[in-house]
Protein backbone atom coordinates (compact mmCIF):
# COMPACT_ATOMS: atom_id res chain seq x y z
CA UNK A 1 11.90 -25.45 12.01
CA UNK A 2 12.62 -22.74 9.47
CA UNK A 3 9.09 -21.39 9.84
CA UNK A 4 9.28 -21.31 13.66
CA UNK A 5 12.64 -19.54 13.76
CA UNK A 6 11.50 -17.08 11.10
CA UNK A 7 8.49 -16.10 13.22
CA UNK A 8 10.79 -15.34 16.15
CA UNK A 9 13.05 -13.18 13.99
CA UNK A 10 10.11 -11.35 12.41
CA UNK A 11 8.44 -10.47 15.70
CA UNK A 12 11.54 -9.23 17.54
CA UNK A 13 11.88 -6.04 15.49
CA UNK A 14 9.90 -2.93 16.38
CA UNK A 15 7.88 -1.67 13.39
CA UNK A 16 9.45 1.10 11.36
CA UNK A 17 8.07 4.52 12.28
CA UNK A 18 6.46 5.61 9.01
CA UNK A 19 4.54 8.50 10.53
CA UNK A 20 0.82 9.11 10.40
CA UNK A 21 0.10 10.53 6.96
CA UNK A 22 1.69 9.43 3.70
CA UNK A 23 1.00 9.48 -0.01
CA UNK A 24 0.29 6.53 -2.29
CA UNK A 25 0.81 7.33 -5.96
CA UNK A 26 1.16 5.76 -9.36
CA UNK A 27 1.75 9.13 -11.00
CA UNK A 28 5.50 9.07 -10.34
CA UNK A 29 5.67 6.09 -12.72
CA UNK A 30 3.96 8.13 -15.40
CA UNK A 31 6.57 10.92 -15.43
CA UNK A 32 10.07 11.00 -16.88
CA UNK A 33 12.36 10.06 -14.00
CA UNK A 34 13.84 13.55 -13.72
CA UNK A 35 10.38 14.97 -13.11
CA UNK A 36 9.56 12.21 -10.63
CA UNK A 37 12.67 13.05 -8.63
CA UNK A 38 11.68 16.71 -8.51
CA UNK A 39 8.21 15.70 -7.36
CA UNK A 40 9.40 13.41 -4.58
CA UNK A 41 11.74 16.12 -3.34
CA UNK A 42 8.73 18.42 -3.04
CA UNK A 43 6.72 15.68 -1.30
CA UNK A 44 9.46 15.48 1.31
CA UNK A 45 9.59 19.26 1.70
CA UNK A 46 5.83 19.31 2.31
CA UNK A 47 6.33 17.14 5.38
CA UNK A 48 4.93 13.78 4.30
CA UNK A 49 6.56 10.91 6.14
CA UNK A 50 6.26 8.18 3.54
CA UNK A 51 5.51 7.76 -0.14
CA UNK A 52 4.17 4.44 -1.44
CA UNK A 53 4.84 3.24 -4.99
CA UNK A 54 3.19 0.33 -6.81
CA UNK A 55 4.29 -2.61 -8.88
CA UNK A 56 2.20 -3.87 -11.77
CA UNK A 57 3.34 -3.15 -15.30
CA UNK A 58 5.24 0.06 -14.58
CA UNK A 59 8.66 0.71 -13.14
CA UNK A 60 10.57 -2.00 -11.30
CA UNK A 61 9.94 -1.01 -7.67
CA UNK A 62 13.39 -1.65 -6.15
CA UNK A 63 15.15 0.40 -8.82
CA UNK A 64 12.45 3.06 -8.56
CA UNK A 65 12.65 3.17 -4.76
CA UNK A 66 16.44 3.50 -4.86
CA UNK A 67 16.23 6.51 -7.15
CA UNK A 68 13.55 8.17 -5.03
CA UNK A 69 15.48 7.54 -1.82
CA UNK A 70 18.62 8.96 -3.39
CA UNK A 71 16.77 12.16 -4.29
CA UNK A 72 15.54 12.73 -0.71
CA UNK A 73 17.08 12.90 2.75
CA UNK A 74 14.56 11.53 5.27
CA UNK A 75 11.54 10.36 3.31
CA UNK A 76 10.59 6.70 3.66
CA UNK A 77 9.66 4.82 0.49
CA UNK A 78 7.29 1.86 0.73
CA UNK A 79 6.33 -0.58 -1.98
CA UNK A 80 2.59 -0.94 -2.29
CA UNK A 81 3.17 -3.61 -3.30
CA UNK A 82 6.14 -5.62 -4.59
CA UNK A 83 4.79 -8.83 -6.08
CA UNK A 84 6.10 -12.20 -4.97
CA UNK A 85 5.16 -13.39 -8.46
CA UNK A 86 7.75 -11.08 -10.01
CA UNK A 87 10.84 -12.36 -8.18
CA UNK A 88 12.07 -15.21 -6.06
CA UNK A 89 12.13 -14.92 -2.29
CA UNK A 90 15.93 -14.82 -2.37
CA UNK A 91 15.88 -11.92 -4.82
CA UNK A 92 13.20 -10.12 -2.79
CA UNK A 93 15.25 -10.25 0.42
CA UNK A 94 18.41 -9.23 -1.43
CA UNK A 95 16.65 -6.18 -2.85
CA UNK A 96 15.27 -5.30 0.57
CA UNK A 97 18.66 -5.61 2.27
CA UNK A 98 20.42 -3.68 -0.50
CA UNK A 99 18.14 -0.67 -0.05
CA UNK A 100 18.11 -0.91 3.75
CA UNK A 101 21.91 -0.93 3.84
CA UNK A 102 22.10 2.08 1.54
CA UNK A 103 19.26 3.99 3.24
CA UNK A 104 18.95 2.90 6.88
CA UNK A 105 15.38 3.00 8.29
CA UNK A 106 14.03 4.49 5.07
CA UNK A 107 12.78 1.53 3.04
CA UNK A 108 9.61 -0.41 3.81
CA UNK A 109 9.01 -3.52 1.73
CA UNK A 110 5.35 -4.17 1.06
CA UNK A 111 4.87 -7.71 -0.25
CA UNK A 112 1.75 -9.15 -1.85
CA UNK A 113 0.57 -12.30 -3.58
CA UNK A 114 -0.72 -10.25 -6.54
CA UNK A 115 -3.69 -11.60 -8.53
CA UNK A 116 -4.33 -14.73 -10.52
CA UNK A 117 -4.69 -13.03 -13.88
CA UNK A 118 -1.45 -11.07 -13.44
CA UNK A 119 0.45 -14.10 -12.17
CA UNK A 120 -0.58 -16.12 -15.20
CA UNK A 121 -0.60 -13.51 -17.96
CA UNK A 122 2.37 -11.35 -16.98
CA UNK A 123 4.67 -13.57 -14.90
CA UNK A 124 3.69 -16.95 -16.38
CA UNK A 125 3.18 -18.37 -12.89
CA UNK A 126 0.47 -20.47 -11.32
CA UNK A 127 -1.75 -18.92 -8.64
CA UNK A 128 -2.76 -21.51 -6.10
CA UNK A 129 -3.08 -21.36 -2.31
CA UNK A 130 -1.81 -17.76 -1.94
CA UNK A 131 -1.77 -17.92 1.87
CA UNK A 132 0.40 -21.04 2.18
CA UNK A 133 2.55 -19.81 -0.70
CA UNK A 134 3.15 -16.56 1.20
CA UNK A 135 4.10 -18.45 4.36
CA UNK A 136 6.66 -20.49 2.43
CA UNK A 137 7.91 -17.37 0.66
CA UNK A 138 8.49 -15.55 3.97
CA UNK A 139 10.26 -18.62 5.37
CA UNK A 140 12.60 -18.63 2.39
CA UNK A 141 13.23 -14.90 2.68
CA UNK A 142 14.06 -15.15 6.37
CA UNK A 143 16.43 -18.08 5.83
CA UNK A 144 18.06 -16.57 2.74
CA UNK A 145 21.76 -15.88 2.26
CA UNK A 146 23.02 -12.35 1.67
CA UNK A 147 26.80 -12.13 1.38
CA UNK A 148 27.06 -8.42 0.59
CA UNK A 149 27.54 -5.59 3.10
CA UNK A 150 24.85 -6.02 5.75
CA UNK A 151 22.35 -3.32 6.72
CA UNK A 152 23.16 -1.42 9.91
CA UNK A 153 19.47 -1.27 10.83
CA UNK A 154 16.75 -3.95 10.76
CA UNK A 155 14.82 -4.65 7.59
CA UNK A 156 11.10 -3.94 7.62
CA UNK A 157 8.15 -5.32 5.68
CA UNK A 158 4.38 -5.25 5.60
CA UNK A 159 1.97 -7.58 3.83
CA UNK A 160 -0.77 -6.62 1.40
CA UNK A 161 -3.43 -8.26 3.55
CA UNK A 162 -7.21 -8.21 3.16
CA UNK A 163 -8.69 -11.43 4.56
CA UNK A 164 -8.47 -12.69 8.15
CA UNK A 165 -5.74 -15.29 7.62
CA UNK A 166 -3.42 -12.93 5.76
CA UNK A 167 -4.05 -10.15 8.28
CA UNK A 168 -3.12 -12.49 11.12
CA UNK A 169 0.01 -13.53 9.24
CA UNK A 170 0.89 -9.88 8.67
CA UNK A 171 0.78 -9.23 12.40
CA UNK A 172 2.90 -12.29 13.15
CA UNK A 173 5.49 -12.20 10.37
CA UNK A 174 5.93 -8.55 9.47
CA UNK A 175 5.58 -4.99 10.74
CA UNK A 176 1.90 -5.22 9.87
CA UNK A 177 -0.52 -4.79 6.98
CA UNK A 178 -1.04 -2.49 4.02
CA UNK A 179 -4.69 -2.99 2.95
CA UNK A 180 -5.70 -1.46 -0.38
CA UNK A 181 -9.17 -0.57 -1.71
CA UNK A 182 -10.84 -0.82 1.69
CA UNK A 183 -13.00 1.16 4.12
CA UNK A 184 -12.74 2.28 7.77
CA UNK A 185 -14.93 -0.71 8.69
CA UNK A 186 -12.29 -3.00 7.23
CA UNK A 187 -9.62 -1.10 9.15
CA UNK A 188 -11.48 -1.84 12.38
CA UNK A 189 -11.66 -5.55 11.54
CA UNK A 190 -7.97 -5.61 10.61
CA UNK A 191 -6.96 -3.96 13.88
CA UNK A 192 -9.00 -6.44 15.89
CA UNK A 193 -7.37 -9.38 14.11
CA UNK A 194 -3.79 -8.08 14.34
CA UNK A 195 -3.94 -6.60 17.82
CA UNK A 196 -2.60 -3.30 19.07
CA UNK A 197 1.08 -3.49 18.11
CA UNK A 198 1.47 -3.99 14.34
CA UNK A 199 1.46 -1.25 11.75
CA UNK A 200 -1.87 -0.84 9.96
CA UNK A 201 -1.49 1.36 6.88
CA UNK A 202 -4.62 1.43 4.70
CA UNK A 203 -4.65 3.20 1.36
CA UNK A 204 -7.37 5.84 0.90
CA UNK A 205 -8.42 7.14 -2.53
CA UNK A 206 -9.58 10.76 -2.55
CA UNK A 207 -10.94 13.14 -5.16
CA UNK A 208 -10.88 16.92 -4.73
CA UNK A 209 -14.21 17.45 -6.47
CA UNK A 210 -17.49 18.64 -4.94
CA UNK A 211 -19.73 17.83 -7.90
CA UNK A 212 -21.14 14.35 -7.22
CA UNK A 213 -21.48 13.34 -10.86
CA UNK A 214 -17.95 14.38 -11.78
CA UNK A 215 -16.44 12.85 -8.65
CA UNK A 216 -18.20 9.51 -9.08
CA UNK A 217 -17.22 9.38 -12.75
CA UNK A 218 -13.56 9.70 -11.77
CA UNK A 219 -14.04 7.16 -9.00
CA UNK A 220 -15.66 4.58 -11.27
CA UNK A 221 -12.88 4.90 -13.84
CA UNK A 222 -10.45 4.01 -11.06
CA UNK A 223 -12.56 1.36 -9.36
CA UNK A 224 -13.32 -0.65 -12.49
CA UNK A 225 -9.77 -1.98 -12.51
CA UNK A 226 -10.12 -3.41 -9.01
CA UNK A 227 -13.70 -4.64 -8.82
CA UNK A 228 -12.86 -7.07 -11.65
CA UNK A 229 -10.18 -8.71 -9.50
CA UNK A 230 -11.49 -11.54 -7.27
CA UNK A 231 -9.29 -10.65 -4.29
CA UNK A 232 -10.85 -7.20 -4.02
CA UNK A 233 -14.36 -8.26 -4.99
CA UNK A 234 -14.36 -11.04 -2.39
CA UNK A 235 -13.14 -8.64 0.27
CA UNK A 236 -15.97 -6.25 -0.55
CA UNK A 237 -18.47 -9.09 -0.18
CA UNK A 238 -16.93 -9.99 3.20
CA UNK A 239 -17.31 -6.35 4.18
CA UNK A 240 -21.06 -6.35 3.58
CA UNK A 241 -21.34 -5.10 0.01
CA UNK A 242 -23.34 -7.05 -2.54
CA UNK A 243 -22.78 -8.27 -6.08
CA UNK A 244 -25.16 -5.50 -7.14
CA UNK A 245 -22.95 -2.91 -5.40
CA UNK A 246 -19.89 -4.23 -7.20
CA UNK A 247 -21.61 -4.26 -10.59
CA UNK A 248 -25.21 -3.11 -10.75
CA UNK A 249 -27.71 -3.49 -13.59
CA UNK A 250 -25.94 -0.71 -15.51
CA UNK A 251 -22.61 -2.51 -15.28
CA UNK A 252 -21.07 -0.03 -12.84
CA UNK A 253 -20.47 0.22 -9.12
CA UNK A 254 -23.26 1.52 -6.91
CA UNK A 255 -23.10 4.99 -5.41
CA UNK A 256 -22.95 3.30 -2.01
CA UNK A 257 -19.76 1.44 -2.92
CA UNK A 258 -18.22 4.38 -4.75
CA UNK A 259 -18.69 6.67 -1.77
CA UNK A 260 -17.33 4.04 0.63
CA UNK A 261 -14.12 3.42 -1.32
CA UNK A 262 -13.44 6.89 -2.74
CA UNK A 263 -13.78 10.00 -0.61
CA UNK A 264 -14.68 13.06 -2.65
CA UNK A 265 -15.38 16.67 -1.79
CA UNK A 266 -13.58 19.37 0.14
CA UNK A 267 -10.43 19.04 2.19
CA UNK A 268 -12.58 18.92 5.31
CA UNK A 269 -14.55 15.95 3.95
CA UNK A 270 -11.30 14.16 3.18
CA UNK A 271 -9.93 15.03 6.63
CA UNK A 272 -12.95 13.40 8.26
CA UNK A 273 -12.50 10.14 6.31
CA UNK A 274 -8.81 10.01 7.23
CA UNK A 275 -9.83 10.47 10.86
CA UNK A 276 -12.35 7.63 10.52
CA UNK A 277 -9.48 5.31 9.59
CA UNK A 278 -7.46 6.49 12.59
CA UNK A 279 -10.46 6.04 14.87
CA UNK A 280 -10.87 2.51 13.50
CA UNK A 281 -7.29 1.63 14.38
CA UNK A 282 -5.06 2.76 11.51
CA UNK A 283 -1.58 3.79 12.56
CA UNK A 284 -0.80 5.34 9.16
CA UNK A 285 -3.03 6.37 6.25
CA UNK A 286 -1.55 6.63 2.75
CA UNK A 287 -3.70 8.91 0.62
CA UNK A 288 -3.99 8.39 -3.13
CA UNK A 289 -5.22 11.47 -5.00
CA UNK A 290 -7.29 10.65 -8.08
CA UNK A 291 -7.68 13.17 -10.89
CA UNK A 292 -9.51 13.24 -14.19
CA UNK A 293 -6.56 12.11 -16.33
CA UNK A 294 -4.92 9.81 -13.72
CA UNK A 295 -1.47 10.67 -15.12
CA UNK A 296 -0.64 14.26 -14.16
CA UNK A 297 1.06 14.84 -10.84
CA UNK A 298 -1.60 16.09 -8.37
CA UNK A 299 0.84 18.58 -6.89
CA UNK A 300 -1.77 21.15 -5.88
CA UNK A 301 -3.81 18.50 -4.08
CA UNK A 302 -0.71 17.16 -2.32
CA UNK A 303 0.03 20.67 -1.07
CA UNK A 304 -3.51 20.97 0.24
CA UNK A 305 -3.28 17.60 1.98
CA UNK A 306 -0.01 18.63 3.57
CA UNK A 307 -1.87 21.24 5.61
CA UNK A 308 -3.38 18.32 7.55
CA UNK A 309 -0.02 16.88 8.64
CA UNK A 310 0.28 18.90 11.88
CA UNK A 311 -3.22 17.82 12.93
CA UNK A 312 -2.50 14.13 12.43
CA UNK A 313 1.02 13.96 13.86
CA UNK A 314 -0.10 12.39 17.13
């Protein structure tokens, strides 16, 4: 009965309006907090609707999100993603409600099952049946007690969904899905599975570099982290890529896969790929700018991307 009632609660709330174009970035983690707060203030002033922050082995995302929200006035902060391996369902919902109460309609909780190696090595957890574990986790969240001051607005969440079952669950039990390391073709499949209503917010990695060799070198440095993870590799295989694309005879990703996952070139080239995601059914695209050192704030690139915001508002 808990599961049935939780579904009703989860589907009654209209998805949070996170706008059309956002930023996904790890680089805020890499800066001293004072510099990160200056950066997020500029991100807001540029007109971006939402900034997405990760959780892996960097900053704790609820504390980080609270600081970023406190440094801005209207910007929405989304977790991309907060790991269910890192905290209990009761703690997850308490963190979500704490931030929603403090910053109404400005916090979007992205939840994911993480990856087997991280669950075991970092969190000392088992990693079995991620789908059914997520269902139980959401049930526990939705039935959880929270005896502090209640939020004045609904809480909102999305799931880090890639495969068909998790995408369907995302549409039924949350605002929608936040797919990572995917293509416009995957966006089209996700939209078909979830239907017209839910939020669909894919991440898109971009590189402001017109030299193919340089751009693909940056892309491969980034992609190597993810192609080693079964969740992402299996999704690529489902999407029509091959084992050879994922790791060819030279031990690297094929140009075909690199160019599908990472968009490189001029602003106009990047604009076209963003539009491809919208045409495929995305309601929001969160752009991750990759640079050669992966640590410096890509402020100049963010400013250039911001010029696209008026075009993509509707």
